[in-house]
Amino acid sequence: MEAQELNLQLVKVLNEWDPFGCGDGEYDPEIADVIYAVHETNDAHKLAIRIQGIYEHSFEELLPYEGCLILAKTLLSLKDQGSCQI
């Protein structure tokens, strides 16, 4: 899977997540930051904390860690699928 295709899949998952009920397309800056973070780490715990920080910075509300961890694992799973294909 190409990086661009992976990024599109990550955007889709992140838009569907919608943690504050703002609707599709309302998280573009946060999504860009999360995608950057996905490419920087393979550690779900670190990514979950980064996700919490990104959304807290924008919305001044801390998201539950468990939800961020589930999302982080999903995003890293997509990344792993892309890197394992021949």
PDB file of N, CA and C in Angstrom:
ATOM      1  N   MET A   1       0.836  -1.171   0.000  1.00  0.00           N
ATOM      2  CA  MET A   1       0.000   0.000   0.000  1.00  0.00           C
ATOM      3  C   MET A   1       0.888   1.245   0.000  1.00  0.00           C
ATOM      4  N   GLU A   2       0.565   2.163  -0.866  1.00  0.00           N
ATOM      5  CA  GLU A   2       1.312   3.417  -0.924  1.00  0.00           C
ATOM      6  C   GLU A   2       0.978   4.288   0.278  1.00  0.00           C
ATOM      7  N   ALA A   3       1.875   5.205   0.581  1.00  0.00           N
ATOM      8  CA  ALA A   3       1.657   6.115   1.704  1.00  0.00           C
ATOM      9  C   ALA A   3       0.380   6.926   1.512  1.00  0.00           C
ATOM     10  N   GLN A   4       0.131   7.364   0.291  1.00  0.00           N
ATOM     11  CA  GLN A   4      -1.067   8.167   0.027  1.00  0.00           C
ATOM     12  C   GLN A   4      -2.340   7.352   0.286  1.00  0.00           C
ATOM     13  N   GLU A   5      -2.343   6.097  -0.160  1.00  0.00           N
ATOM     14  CA  GLU A   5      -3.498   5.230   0.067  1.00  0.00           C
ATOM     15  C   GLU A   5      -3.695   4.974   1.562  1.00  0.00           C
ATOM     16  N   LEU A   6      -2.599   4.730   2.261  1.00  0.00           N
ATOM     17  CA  LEU A   6      -2.660   4.541   3.705  1.00  0.00           C
ATOM     18  C   LEU A   6      -3.231   5.789   4.373  1.00  0.00           C
ATOM     19  N   ASN A   7      -2.723   6.950   4.000  1.00  0.00           N
ATOM     20  CA  ASN A   7      -3.212   8.191   4.598  1.00  0.00           C
ATOM     21  C   ASN A   7      -4.707   8.376   4.378  1.00  0.00           C
ATOM     22  N   LEU A   8      -5.200   8.026   3.197  1.00  0.00           N
ATOM     23  CA  LEU A   8      -6.642   8.130   2.923  1.00  0.00           C
ATOM     24  C   LEU A   8      -7.440   7.200   3.828  1.00  0.00           C
ATOM     25  N   GLN A   9      -6.928   5.995   4.065  1.00  0.00           N
ATOM     26  CA  GLN A   9      -7.601   5.070   4.970  1.00  0.00           C
ATOM     27  C   GLN A   9      -7.577   5.594   6.402  1.00  0.00           C
ATOM     28  N   LEU A  10      -6.451   6.174   6.809  1.00  0.00           N
ATOM     29  CA  LEU A  10      -6.351   6.758   8.151  1.00  0.00           C
ATOM     30  C   LEU A  10      -7.338   7.909   8.311  1.00  0.00           C
ATOM     31  N   VAL A  11      -7.446   8.757   7.298  1.00  0.00           N
ATOM     32  CA  VAL A  11      -8.394   9.878   7.333  1.00  0.00           C
ATOM     33  C   VAL A  11      -9.812   9.353   7.490  1.00  0.00           C
ATOM     34  N   LYS A  12     -10.147   8.306   6.753  1.00  0.00           N
ATOM     35  CA  LYS A  12     -11.495   7.735   6.829  1.00  0.00           C
ATOM     36  C   LYS A  12     -11.809   7.266   8.254  1.00  0.00           C
ATOM     37  N   VAL A  13     -10.885   6.530   8.850  1.00  0.00           N
ATOM     38  CA  VAL A  13     -11.085   6.030  10.216  1.00  0.00           C
ATOM     39  C   VAL A  13     -11.217   7.199  11.193  1.00  0.00           C
ATOM     40  N   LEU A  14     -10.351   8.187  11.062  1.00  0.00           N
ATOM     41  CA  LEU A  14     -10.373   9.324  11.976  1.00  0.00           C
ATOM     42  C   LEU A  14     -11.640  10.161  11.827  1.00  0.00           C
ATOM     43  N   ASN A  15     -12.125  10.345  10.610  1.00  0.00           N
ATOM     44  CA  ASN A  15     -13.380  11.075  10.409  1.00  0.00           C
ATOM     45  C   ASN A  15     -14.565  10.322  11.003  1.00  0.00           C
ATOM     46  N   GLU A  16     -14.538   8.998  10.887  1.00  0.00           N
ATOM     47  CA  GLU A  16     -15.626   8.189  11.442  1.00  0.00           C
ATOM     48  C   GLU A  16     -15.604   8.196  12.967  1.00  0.00           C
ATOM     49  N   TRP A  17     -14.432   8.381  13.558  1.00  0.00           N
ATOM     50  CA  TRP A  17     -14.297   8.365  15.012  1.00  0.00           C
ATOM     51  C   TRP A  17     -15.094   9.508  15.637  1.00  0.00           C
ATOM     52  N   ASP A  18     -14.936  10.720  15.179  1.00  0.00           N
ATOM     53  CA  ASP A  18     -15.723  11.891  15.586  1.00  0.00           C
ATOM     54  C   ASP A  18     -15.970  11.965  17.105  1.00  0.00           C
ATOM     55  N   PRO A  19     -14.919  12.117  17.915  1.00  0.00           N
ATOM     56  CA  PRO A  19     -15.060  12.029  19.370  1.00  0.00           C
ATOM     57  C   PRO A  19     -15.901  13.126  20.022  1.00  0.00           C
ATOM     58  N   PHE A  20     -16.054  14.259  19.348  1.00  0.00           N
ATOM     59  CA  PHE A  20     -16.818  15.355  19.935  1.00  0.00           C
ATOM     60  C   PHE A  20     -18.139  15.615  19.196  1.00  0.00           C
ATOM     61  N   GLY A  21     -18.484  14.734  18.253  1.00  0.00           N
ATOM     62  CA  GLY A  21     -19.743  14.870  17.540  1.00  0.00           C
ATOM     63  C   GLY A  21     -19.824  16.108  16.659  1.00  0.00           C
ATOM     64  N   CYS A  22     -18.692  16.523  16.126  1.00  0.00           N
ATOM     65  CA  CYS A  22     -18.647  17.734  15.294  1.00  0.00           C
ATOM     66  C   CYS A  22     -18.999  17.462  13.835  1.00  0.00           C
ATOM     67  N   GLY A  23     -18.913  16.219  13.410  1.00  0.00           N
ATOM     68  CA  GLY A  23     -19.234  15.873  12.030  1.00  0.00           C
ATOM     69  C   GLY A  23     -17.999  15.726  11.155  1.00  0.00           C
ATOM     70  N   ASP A  24     -18.205  15.083  10.027  1.00  0.00           N
ATOM     71  CA  ASP A  24     -17.159  14.811   9.054  1.00  0.00           C
ATOM     72  C   ASP A  24     -16.544  16.120   8.555  1.00  0.00           C
ATOM     73  N   GLY A  25     -15.227  16.154   8.482  1.00  0.00           N
ATOM     74  CA  GLY A  25     -14.535  17.318   7.953  1.00  0.00           C
ATOM     75  C   GLY A  25     -14.219  18.398   8.969  1.00  0.00           C
ATOM     76  N   GLU A  26     -14.610  18.193  10.214  1.00  0.00           N
ATOM     77  CA  GLU A  26     -14.399  19.212  11.250  1.00  0.00           C
ATOM     78  C   GLU A  26     -13.115  19.014  12.042  1.00  0.00           C
ATOM     79  N   TYR A  27     -12.344  17.997  11.693  1.00  0.00           N
ATOM     80  CA  TYR A  27     -11.142  17.673  12.452  1.00  0.00           C
ATOM     81  C   TYR A  27      -9.878  17.697  11.583  1.00  0.00           C
ATOM     82  N   ASP A  28      -9.910  18.416  10.497  1.00  0.00           N
ATOM     83  CA  ASP A  28      -8.794  18.347   9.555  1.00  0.00           C
ATOM     84  C   ASP A  28      -7.428  18.627  10.188  1.00  0.00           C
ATOM     85  N   PRO A  29      -7.259  19.678  11.006  1.00  0.00           N
ATOM     86  CA  PRO A  29      -5.932  19.901  11.604  1.00  0.00           C
ATOM     87  C   PRO A  29      -5.518  18.763  12.541  1.00  0.00           C
ATOM     88  N   GLU A  30      -6.473  18.257  13.315  1.00  0.00           N
ATOM     89  CA  GLU A  30      -6.179  17.165  14.244  1.00  0.00           C
ATOM     90  C   GLU A  30      -5.843  15.891  13.484  1.00  0.00           C
ATOM     91  N   ILE A  31      -6.583  15.621  12.432  1.00  0.00           N
ATOM     92  CA  ILE A  31      -6.336  14.429  11.625  1.00  0.00           C
ATOM     93  C   ILE A  31      -4.937  14.485  11.013  1.00  0.00           C
ATOM     94  N   ALA A  32      -4.554  15.632  10.509  1.00  0.00           N
ATOM     95  CA  ALA A  32      -3.211  15.772   9.936  1.00  0.00           C
ATOM     96  C   ALA A  32      -2.144  15.489  10.988  1.00  0.00           C
ATOM     97  N   ASP A  33      -2.345  16.003  12.198  1.00  0.00           N
ATOM     98  CA  ASP A  33      -1.383  15.772  13.275  1.00  0.00           C
ATOM     99  C   ASP A  33      -1.331  14.304  13.678  1.00  0.00           C
ATOM    100  N   VAL A  34      -2.494  13.651  13.739  1.00  0.00           N
ATOM    101  CA  VAL A  34      -2.533  12.234  14.119  1.00  0.00           C
ATOM    102  C   VAL A  34      -1.857  11.383  13.051  1.00  0.00           C
ATOM    103  N   ILE A  35      -2.108  11.672  11.789  1.00  0.00           N
ATOM    104  CA  ILE A  35      -1.473  10.901  10.713  1.00  0.00           C
ATOM    105  C   ILE A  35       0.046  11.043  10.788  1.00  0.00           C
ATOM    106  N   TYR A  36       0.511  12.242  11.044  1.00  0.00           N
ATOM    107  CA  TYR A  36       1.948  12.456  11.220  1.00  0.00           C
ATOM    108  C   TYR A  36       2.467  11.585  12.372  1.00  0.00           C
ATOM    109  N   ALA A  37       1.730  11.556  13.472  1.00  0.00           N
ATOM    110  CA  ALA A  37       2.128  10.760  14.638  1.00  0.00           C
ATOM    111  C   ALA A  37       2.139   9.265  14.312  1.00  0.00           C
ATOM    112  N   VAL A  38       1.175   8.804  13.519  1.00  0.00           N
ATOM    113  CA  VAL A  38       1.123   7.386  13.128  1.00  0.00           C
ATOM    114  C   VAL A  38       2.395   7.001  12.380  1.00  0.00           C
ATOM    115  N   HIS A  39       2.869   7.899  11.527  1.00  0.00           N
ATOM    116  CA  HIS A  39       4.073   7.609  10.753  1.00  0.00           C
ATOM    117  C   HIS A  39       5.341   7.681  11.603  1.00  0.00           C
ATOM    118  N   GLU A  40       5.260   8.326  12.756  1.00  0.00           N
ATOM    119  CA  GLU A  40       6.433   8.475  13.627  1.00  0.00           C
ATOM    120  C   GLU A  40       6.625   7.344  14.631  1.00  0.00           C
ATOM    121  N   THR A  41       5.572   6.585  14.946  1.00  0.00           N
ATOM    122  CA  THR A  41       5.682   5.579  16.010  1.00  0.00           C
ATOM    123  C   THR A  41       4.985   4.284  15.638  1.00  0.00           C
ATOM    124  N   ASN A  42       5.399   3.221  16.298  1.00  0.00           N
ATOM    125  CA  ASN A  42       4.732   1.924  16.178  1.00  0.00           C
ATOM    126  C   ASN A  42       4.204   1.477  17.536  1.00  0.00           C
ATOM    127  N   ASP A  43       4.247   2.372  18.513  1.00  0.00           N
ATOM    128  CA  ASP A  43       3.847   2.072  19.883  1.00  0.00           C
ATOM    129  C   ASP A  43       2.445   2.614  20.134  1.00  0.00           C
ATOM    130  N   ALA A  44       1.492   1.715  20.374  1.00  0.00           N
ATOM    131  CA  ALA A  44       0.092   2.117  20.548  1.00  0.00           C
ATOM    132  C   ALA A  44      -0.096   3.028  21.765  1.00  0.00           C
ATOM    133  N   HIS A  45       0.617   2.736  22.852  1.00  0.00           N
ATOM    134  CA  HIS A  45       0.504   3.561  24.058  1.00  0.00           C
ATOM    135  C   HIS A  45       0.963   4.997  23.781  1.00  0.00           C
ATOM    136  N   LYS A  46       2.119   5.141  23.147  1.00  0.00           N
ATOM    137  CA  LYS A  46       2.629   6.481  22.826  1.00  0.00           C
ATOM    138  C   LYS A  46       1.693   7.212  21.871  1.00  0.00           C
ATOM    139  N   LEU A  47       1.169   6.476  20.889  1.00  0.00           N
ATOM    140  CA  LEU A  47       0.260   7.100  19.929  1.00  0.00           C
ATOM    141  C   LEU A  47      -1.036   7.533  20.616  1.00  0.00           C
ATOM    142  N   ALA A  48      -1.556   6.718  21.514  1.00  0.00           N
ATOM    143  CA  ALA A  48      -2.789   7.077  22.235  1.00  0.00           C
ATOM    144  C   ALA A  48      -2.594   8.362  23.037  1.00  0.00           C
ATOM    145  N   ILE A  49      -1.459   8.493  23.670  1.00  0.00           N
ATOM    146  CA  ILE A  49      -1.170   9.705  24.437  1.00  0.00           C
ATOM    147  C   ILE A  49      -1.044  10.909  23.511  1.00  0.00           C
ATOM    148  N   ARG A  50      -0.418  10.713  22.351  1.00  0.00           N
ATOM    149  CA  ARG A  50      -0.310  11.805  21.372  1.00  0.00           C
ATOM    150  C   ARG A  50      -1.695  12.218  20.882  1.00  0.00           C
ATOM    151  N   ILE A  51      -2.562  11.236  20.621  1.00  0.00           N
ATOM    152  CA  ILE A  51      -3.919  11.535  20.159  1.00  0.00           C
ATOM    153  C   ILE A  51      -4.652  12.351  21.219  1.00  0.00           C
ATOM    154  N   GLN A  52      -4.544  11.922  22.471  1.00  0.00           N
ATOM    155  CA  GLN A  52      -5.166  12.675  23.564  1.00  0.00           C
ATOM    156  C   GLN A  52      -4.680  14.118  23.559  1.00  0.00           C
ATOM    157  N   GLY A  53      -3.383  14.296  23.438  1.00  0.00           N
ATOM    158  CA  GLY A  53      -2.800  15.637  23.472  1.00  0.00           C
ATOM    159  C   GLY A  53      -3.236  16.505  22.307  1.00  0.00           C
ATOM    160  N   ILE A  54      -3.297  15.920  21.127  1.00  0.00           N
ATOM    161  CA  ILE A  54      -3.698  16.663  19.926  1.00  0.00           C
ATOM    162  C   ILE A  54      -5.125  17.180  20.069  1.00  0.00           C
ATOM    163  N   TYR A  55      -6.032  16.304  20.481  1.00  0.00           N
ATOM    164  CA  TYR A  55      -7.434  16.714  20.595  1.00  0.00           C
ATOM    165  C   TYR A  55      -7.660  17.614  21.810  1.00  0.00           C
ATOM    166  N   GLU A  56      -6.918  17.387  22.890  1.00  0.00           N
ATOM    167  CA  GLU A  56      -7.060  18.246  24.064  1.00  0.00           C
ATOM    168  C   GLU A  56      -6.597  19.663  23.735  1.00  0.00           C
ATOM    169  N   HIS A  57      -5.532  19.777  22.973  1.00  0.00           N
ATOM    170  CA  HIS A  57      -5.020  21.092  22.589  1.00  0.00           C
ATOM    171  C   HIS A  57      -6.078  21.885  21.805  1.00  0.00           C
ATOM    172  N   SER A  58      -6.798  21.200  20.917  1.00  0.00           N
ATOM    173  CA  SER A  58      -7.789  21.877  20.078  1.00  0.00           C
ATOM    174  C   SER A  58      -9.112  22.113  20.782  1.00  0.00           C
ATOM    175  N   PHE A  59      -9.540  21.156  21.602  1.00  0.00           N
ATOM    176  CA  PHE A  59     -10.895  21.209  22.163  1.00  0.00           C
ATOM    177  C   PHE A  59     -10.929  21.454  23.669  1.00  0.00           C
ATOM    178  N   GLU A  60      -9.739  21.548  24.270  1.00  0.00           N
ATOM    179  CA  GLU A  60      -9.626  21.808  25.707  1.00  0.00           C
ATOM    180  C   GLU A  60     -10.442  20.831  26.550  1.00  0.00           C
ATOM    181  N   GLU A  61     -10.459  19.586  26.082  1.00  0.00           N
ATOM    182  CA  GLU A  61     -11.135  18.510  26.804  1.00  0.00           C
ATOM    183  C   GLU A  61     -10.326  17.232  26.599  1.00  0.00           C
ATOM    184  N   LEU A  62     -10.047  16.542  27.690  1.00  0.00           N
ATOM    185  CA  LEU A  62      -9.248  15.322  27.614  1.00  0.00           C
ATOM    186  C   LEU A  62     -10.136  14.134  27.262  1.00  0.00           C
ATOM    187  N   LEU A  63      -9.770  13.459  26.189  1.00  0.00           N
ATOM    188  CA  LEU A  63     -10.500  12.253  25.787  1.00  0.00           C
ATOM    189  C   LEU A  63     -10.053  11.086  26.658  1.00  0.00           C
ATOM    190  N   PRO A  64     -10.948  10.121  26.917  1.00  0.00           N
ATOM    191  CA  PRO A  64     -10.567   8.942  27.696  1.00  0.00           C
ATOM    192  C   PRO A  64      -9.430   8.170  27.008  1.00  0.00           C
ATOM    193  N   TYR A  65      -8.452   7.773  27.805  1.00  0.00           N
ATOM    194  CA  TYR A  65      -7.294   7.058  27.282  1.00  0.00           C
ATOM    195  C   TYR A  65      -7.699   5.788  26.544  1.00  0.00           C
ATOM    196  N   GLU A  66      -8.626   5.015  27.119  1.00  0.00           N
ATOM    197  CA  GLU A  66      -8.996   3.724  26.516  1.00  0.00           C
ATOM    198  C   GLU A  66      -9.498   3.888  25.081  1.00  0.00           C
ATOM    199  N   GLY A  67     -10.314   4.912  24.842  1.00  0.00           N
ATOM    200  CA  GLY A  67     -10.813   5.162  23.484  1.00  0.00           C
ATOM    201  C   GLY A  67      -9.684   5.532  22.539  1.00  0.00           C
ATOM    202  N   CYS A  68      -8.746   6.326  23.035  1.00  0.00           N
ATOM    203  CA  CYS A  68      -7.590   6.715  22.228  1.00  0.00           C
ATOM    204  C   CYS A  68      -6.698   5.512  21.942  1.00  0.00           C
ATOM    205  N   LEU A  69      -6.577   4.611  22.897  1.00  0.00           N
ATOM    206  CA  LEU A  69      -5.757   3.419  22.711  1.00  0.00           C
ATOM    207  C   LEU A  69      -6.369   2.497  21.658  1.00  0.00           C
ATOM    208  N   ILE A  70      -7.660   2.320  21.709  1.00  0.00           N
ATOM    209  CA  ILE A  70      -8.342   1.502  20.696  1.00  0.00           C
ATOM    210  C   ILE A  70      -8.124   2.100  19.308  1.00  0.00           C
ATOM    211  N   LEU A  71      -8.286   3.420  19.207  1.00  0.00           N
ATOM    212  CA  LEU A  71      -8.059   4.101  17.933  1.00  0.00           C
ATOM    213  C   LEU A  71      -6.608   3.935  17.489  1.00  0.00           C
ATOM    214  N   ALA A  72      -5.672   4.113  18.409  1.00  0.00           N
ATOM    215  CA  ALA A  72      -4.253   3.982  18.081  1.00  0.00           C
ATOM    216  C   ALA A  72      -3.950   2.588  17.534  1.00  0.00           C
ATOM    217  N   LYS A  73      -4.489   1.569  18.166  1.00  0.00           N
ATOM    218  CA  LYS A  73      -4.269   0.191  17.702  1.00  0.00           C
ATOM    219  C   LYS A  73      -4.851  -0.014  16.311  1.00  0.00           C
ATOM    220  N   THR A  74      -6.018   0.560  16.057  1.00  0.00           N
ATOM    221  CA  THR A  74      -6.643   0.454  14.736  1.00  0.00           C
ATOM    222  C   THR A  74      -5.775   1.130  13.679  1.00  0.00           C
ATOM    223  N   LEU A  75      -5.301   2.326  13.974  1.00  0.00           N
ATOM    224  CA  LEU A  75      -4.479   3.067  13.015  1.00  0.00           C
ATOM    225  C   LEU A  75      -3.159   2.352  12.749  1.00  0.00           C
ATOM    226  N   LEU A  76      -2.535   1.841  13.792  1.00  0.00           N
ATOM    227  CA  LEU A  76      -1.271   1.128  13.609  1.00  0.00           C
ATOM    228  C   LEU A  76      -1.471  -0.193  12.872  1.00  0.00           C
ATOM    229  N   SER A  77      -2.622  -0.805  13.050  1.00  0.00           N
ATOM    230  CA  SER A  77      -2.942  -2.033  12.322  1.00  0.00           C
ATOM    231  C   SER A  77      -3.020  -1.745  10.823  1.00  0.00           C
ATOM    232  N   LEU A  78      -3.645  -0.639  10.467  1.00  0.00           N
ATOM    233  CA  LEU A  78      -3.709  -0.245   9.052  1.00  0.00           C
ATOM    234  C   LEU A  78      -2.297  -0.004   8.502  1.00  0.00           C
ATOM    235  N   LYS A  79      -1.499   0.662   9.286  1.00  0.00           N
ATOM    236  CA  LYS A  79      -0.109   0.947   8.879  1.00  0.00           C
ATOM    237  C   LYS A  79       0.657  -0.354   8.686  1.00  0.00           C
ATOM    238  N   ASP A  80       0.488  -1.305   9.612  1.00  0.00           N
ATOM    239  CA  ASP A  80       1.174  -2.595   9.511  1.00  0.00           C
ATOM    240  C   ASP A  80       0.725  -3.373   8.282  1.00  0.00           C
ATOM    241  N   GLN A  81      -0.562  -3.328   7.982  1.00  0.00           N
ATOM    242  CA  GLN A  81      -1.074  -4.030   6.798  1.00  0.00           C
ATOM    243  C   GLN A  81      -0.413  -3.485   5.535  1.00  0.00           C
ATOM    244  N   GLY A  82      -0.241  -2.187   5.512  1.00  0.00           N
ATOM    245  CA  GLY A  82       0.375  -1.565   4.341  1.00  0.00           C
ATOM    246  C   GLY A  82       1.831  -1.930   4.170  1.00  0.00           C
ATOM    247  N   SER A  83       2.543  -2.101   5.276  1.00  0.00           N
ATOM    248  CA  SER A  83       3.974  -2.380   5.183  1.00  0.00           C
ATOM    249  C   SER A  83       4.262  -3.865   4.951  1.00  0.00           C
ATOM    250  N   CYS A  84       3.271  -4.707   5.129  1.00  0.00           N
ATOM    251  CA  CYS A  84       3.496  -6.150   4.995  1.00  0.00           C
ATOM    252  C   CYS A  84       3.210  -6.660   3.591  1.00  0.00           C
ATOM    253  N   GLN A  85       2.582  -5.839   2.768  1.00  0.00           N
ATOM    254  CA  GLN A  85       2.252  -6.296   1.414  1.00  0.00           C
ATOM    255  C   GLN A  85       3.472  -6.235   0.529  1.00  0.00           C
ATOM    256  N   ILE A  86       3.506  -7.167  -0.430  1.00  0.00           N
ATOM    257  CA  ILE A  86       4.654  -7.249  -1.363  1.00  0.00           C
ATOM    258  C   ILE A  86       4.383  -6.377  -2.572  1.00  0.00           C
TER     259      ILE A  86
END
